[in-house]
Amino acid sequence: RTGRGQKYKVKHLERVNDLKESLQRSLKPNGRQGRLFEEGEANFAIPQVDILHLLIGLSEAGEPVTEWLEKLAPLRPHIRAGLRFVRTERPDWAAAVGRVLDVMEGAPLLDRMG
């Protein structure tokens, strides 16, 4: 949300596909480029907001996020904290963020279907 009452929306097709390509390039193991962050630091090679937007966009589109969560496993604590922050700041994204957090926390699928 901007200061003038405008809202931003994750563009499902364009933005999510661009983010997938960008993250795939960053995850390729060729020297430093394959490292997501420095050990013991939160110095991201990939902007954390891009990771959050990808996961939220996939969730809103009904696509699975497990593959990306596995690829980004070392960043799980940062992703979880970021998603919780986004959920409080953007109530309109709460459902999509909640689905990603449920997957991360291993919530049973049948509880969500009821």
C-alpha atoms as a PDB file:
ATOM      1  CA  ARG A   1       0.000   0.000   0.000  1.00  0.00           C
ATOM      2  CA  THR A   2       1.327   3.409  -0.859  1.00  0.00           C
ATOM      3  CA  GLY A   3       0.797   6.652   1.008  1.00  0.00           C
ATOM      4  CA  ARG A   4      -1.879   7.737  -1.457  1.00  0.00           C
ATOM      5  CA  GLY A   5      -4.257   4.855  -0.821  1.00  0.00           C
ATOM      6  CA  GLN A   6      -3.091   2.813  -3.807  1.00  0.00           C
ATOM      7  CA  LYS A   7      -2.472  -0.895  -3.441  1.00  0.00           C
ATOM      8  CA  TYR A   8       0.078  -3.086  -5.154  1.00  0.00           C
ATOM      9  CA  LYS A   9      -0.863  -6.558  -6.306  1.00  0.00           C
ATOM     10  CA  VAL A  10       1.421  -9.458  -7.170  1.00  0.00           C
ATOM     11  CA  LYS A  11       0.928  -9.979 -10.897  1.00  0.00           C
ATOM     12  CA  HIS A  12       0.486 -13.708 -11.126  1.00  0.00           C
ATOM     13  CA  LEU A  13       1.733 -14.477 -14.595  1.00  0.00           C
ATOM     14  CA  GLU A  14       4.352 -11.860 -15.388  1.00  0.00           C
ATOM     15  CA  ARG A  15       5.877 -11.220 -11.975  1.00  0.00           C
ATOM     16  CA  VAL A  16       5.834 -14.830 -10.756  1.00  0.00           C
ATOM     17  CA  ASN A  17       7.411 -16.128 -13.964  1.00  0.00           C
ATOM     18  CA  ASP A  18      10.072 -13.403 -13.849  1.00  0.00           C
ATOM     19  CA  LEU A  19      10.818 -14.259 -10.231  1.00  0.00           C
ATOM     20  CA  LYS A  20      11.069 -17.980 -11.013  1.00  0.00           C
ATOM     21  CA  GLU A  21      13.626 -17.292 -13.745  1.00  0.00           C
ATOM     22  CA  SER A  22      15.616 -14.909 -11.556  1.00  0.00           C
ATOM     23  CA  LEU A  23      15.724 -17.318  -8.621  1.00  0.00           C
ATOM     24  CA  GLN A  24      16.635 -20.263 -10.860  1.00  0.00           C
ATOM     25  CA  ARG A  25      19.637 -18.279 -12.153  1.00  0.00           C
ATOM     26  CA  SER A  26      20.664 -17.375  -8.606  1.00  0.00           C
ATOM     27  CA  LEU A  27      20.424 -20.978  -7.422  1.00  0.00           C
ATOM     28  CA  LYS A  28      22.691 -22.404 -10.128  1.00  0.00           C
ATOM     29  CA  PRO A  29      25.909 -23.605  -8.491  1.00  0.00           C
ATOM     30  CA  ASN A  30      28.733 -21.711 -10.173  1.00  0.00           C
ATOM     31  CA  GLY A  31      30.900 -20.178  -7.515  1.00  0.00           C
ATOM     32  CA  ARG A  32      29.379 -17.547  -5.238  1.00  0.00           C
ATOM     33  CA  GLN A  33      26.273 -17.175  -7.374  1.00  0.00           C
ATOM     34  CA  GLY A  34      24.854 -20.456  -6.054  1.00  0.00           C
ATOM     35  CA  ARG A  35      25.005 -19.253  -2.447  1.00  0.00           C
ATOM     36  CA  LEU A  36      21.809 -17.760  -1.114  1.00  0.00           C
ATOM     37  CA  PHE A  37      23.424 -15.999   1.816  1.00  0.00           C
ATOM     38  CA  GLU A  38      26.657 -15.879   3.767  1.00  0.00           C
ATOM     39  CA  GLU A  39      26.904 -18.266   6.697  1.00  0.00           C
ATOM     40  CA  GLY A  40      25.737 -16.641   9.903  1.00  0.00           C
ATOM     41  CA  GLU A  41      24.476 -13.534   8.118  1.00  0.00           C
ATOM     42  CA  ALA A  42      21.264 -12.434   6.494  1.00  0.00           C
ATOM     43  CA  ASN A  43      23.151 -11.025   3.504  1.00  0.00           C
ATOM     44  CA  PHE A  44      20.866 -12.209   0.718  1.00  0.00           C
ATOM     45  CA  ALA A  45      22.089 -12.707  -2.841  1.00  0.00           C
ATOM     46  CA  ILE A  46      18.391 -12.667  -3.764  1.00  0.00           C
ATOM     47  CA  PRO A  47      16.201  -9.862  -2.386  1.00  0.00           C
ATOM     48  CA  GLN A  48      13.997 -11.336   0.316  1.00  0.00           C
ATOM     49  CA  VAL A  49      10.999  -9.431  -1.009  1.00  0.00           C
ATOM     50  CA  ASP A  50      11.356 -11.331  -4.309  1.00  0.00           C
ATOM     51  CA  ILE A  51      11.279 -14.646  -2.464  1.00  0.00           C
ATOM     52  CA  LEU A  52       8.186 -13.600  -0.515  1.00  0.00           C
ATOM     53  CA  HIS A  53       6.421 -12.308  -3.634  1.00  0.00           C
ATOM     54  CA  LEU A  54       7.154 -15.559  -5.466  1.00  0.00           C
ATOM     55  CA  LEU A  55       5.730 -17.719  -2.682  1.00  0.00           C
ATOM     56  CA  ILE A  56       2.682 -15.489  -2.214  1.00  0.00           C
ATOM     57  CA  GLY A  57       2.065 -15.315  -5.969  1.00  0.00           C
ATOM     58  CA  LEU A  58       2.297 -19.089  -6.341  1.00  0.00           C
ATOM     59  CA  SER A  59      -0.065 -19.568  -3.407  1.00  0.00           C
ATOM     60  CA  GLU A  60      -2.599 -17.079  -4.802  1.00  0.00           C
ATOM     61  CA  ALA A  61      -2.481 -18.864  -8.157  1.00  0.00           C
ATOM     62  CA  GLY A  62      -3.088 -22.217  -6.453  1.00  0.00           C
ATOM     63  CA  GLU A  63       0.321 -23.584  -7.452  1.00  0.00           C
ATOM     64  CA  PRO A  64       2.451 -25.697  -5.095  1.00  0.00           C
ATOM     65  CA  VAL A  65       5.165 -23.950  -3.098  1.00  0.00           C
ATOM     66  CA  THR A  66       6.910 -27.030  -1.691  1.00  0.00           C
ATOM     67  CA  GLU A  67       9.515 -27.231  -4.462  1.00  0.00           C
ATOM     68  CA  TRP A  68      10.605 -23.648  -3.827  1.00  0.00           C
ATOM     69  CA  LEU A  69      10.572 -24.093  -0.062  1.00  0.00           C
ATOM     70  CA  GLU A  70      12.909 -27.063  -0.462  1.00  0.00           C
ATOM     71  CA  LYS A  71      15.268 -25.070  -2.704  1.00  0.00           C
ATOM     72  CA  LEU A  72      15.246 -22.192  -0.236  1.00  0.00           C
ATOM     73  CA  ALA A  73      15.481 -24.385   2.892  1.00  0.00           C
ATOM     74  CA  PRO A  74      18.469 -22.524   4.423  1.00  0.00           C
ATOM     75  CA  LEU A  75      16.377 -19.338   4.387  1.00  0.00           C
ATOM     76  CA  ARG A  76      13.299 -20.817   6.083  1.00  0.00           C
ATOM     77  CA  PRO A  77      13.613 -18.794   9.317  1.00  0.00           C
ATOM     78  CA  HIS A  78      13.913 -15.563   7.323  1.00  0.00           C
ATOM     79  CA  ILE A  79      11.076 -16.531   4.989  1.00  0.00           C
ATOM     80  CA  ARG A  80       8.816 -17.480   7.901  1.00  0.00           C
ATOM     81  CA  ALA A  81       9.505 -14.179   9.691  1.00  0.00           C
ATOM     82  CA  GLY A  82       8.956 -12.219   6.479  1.00  0.00           C
ATOM     83  CA  LEU A  83       5.666 -13.964   5.766  1.00  0.00           C
ATOM     84  CA  ARG A  84       4.405 -13.328   9.284  1.00  0.00           C
ATOM     85  CA  PHE A  85       5.250  -9.646   8.887  1.00  0.00           C
ATOM     86  CA  VAL A  86       3.511  -9.474   5.506  1.00  0.00           C
ATOM     87  CA  ARG A  87       0.439 -11.190   6.946  1.00  0.00           C
ATOM     88  CA  THR A  88       0.057  -8.444   9.568  1.00  0.00           C
ATOM     89  CA  GLU A  89       0.805  -5.593   7.164  1.00  0.00           C
ATOM     90  CA  ARG A  90      -1.251  -6.856   4.210  1.00  0.00           C
ATOM     91  CA  PRO A  91      -4.520  -8.406   5.390  1.00  0.00           C
ATOM     92  CA  ASP A  92      -5.561  -8.834   1.737  1.00  0.00           C
ATOM     93  CA  TRP A  93      -2.706 -11.338   1.318  1.00  0.00           C
ATOM     94  CA  ALA A  94      -3.429 -13.151   4.606  1.00  0.00           C
ATOM     95  CA  ALA A  95      -5.057 -16.208   2.986  1.00  0.00           C
ATOM     96  CA  ALA A  96      -2.190 -16.788   0.526  1.00  0.00           C
ATOM     97  CA  VAL A  97       0.442 -16.169   3.208  1.00  0.00           C
ATOM     98  CA  GLY A  98      -1.410 -18.489   5.584  1.00  0.00           C
ATOM     99  CA  ARG A  99      -1.320 -21.305   3.026  1.00  0.00           C
ATOM    100  CA  VAL A 100       2.463 -20.944   2.612  1.00  0.00           C
ATOM    101  CA  LEU A 101       2.994 -20.841   6.371  1.00  0.00           C
ATOM    102  CA  ASP A 102       0.795 -23.929   6.778  1.00  0.00           C
ATOM    103  CA  VAL A 103       2.996 -25.824   4.324  1.00  0.00           C
ATOM    104  CA  MET A 104       6.141 -24.626   6.101  1.00  0.00           C
ATOM    105  CA  GLU A 105       4.814 -25.649   9.491  1.00  0.00           C
ATOM    106  CA  GLY A 106       3.477 -29.000   8.287  1.00  0.00           C
ATOM    107  CA  ALA A 107      -0.208 -28.319   8.898  1.00  0.00           C
ATOM    108  CA  PRO A 108      -2.392 -31.280   7.964  1.00  0.00           C
ATOM    109  CA  LEU A 109      -4.148 -30.764   4.645  1.00  0.00           C
ATOM    110  CA  LEU A 110      -7.474 -32.114   5.875  1.00  0.00           C
ATOM    111  CA  ASP A 111      -7.726 -29.423   8.564  1.00  0.00           C
ATOM    112  CA  ARG A 112      -7.599 -26.725   5.867  1.00  0.00           C
ATOM    113  CA  MET A 113     -10.277 -28.374   3.713  1.00  0.00           C
ATOM    114  CA  GLY A 114     -12.963 -28.396   6.387  1.00  0.00           C
END
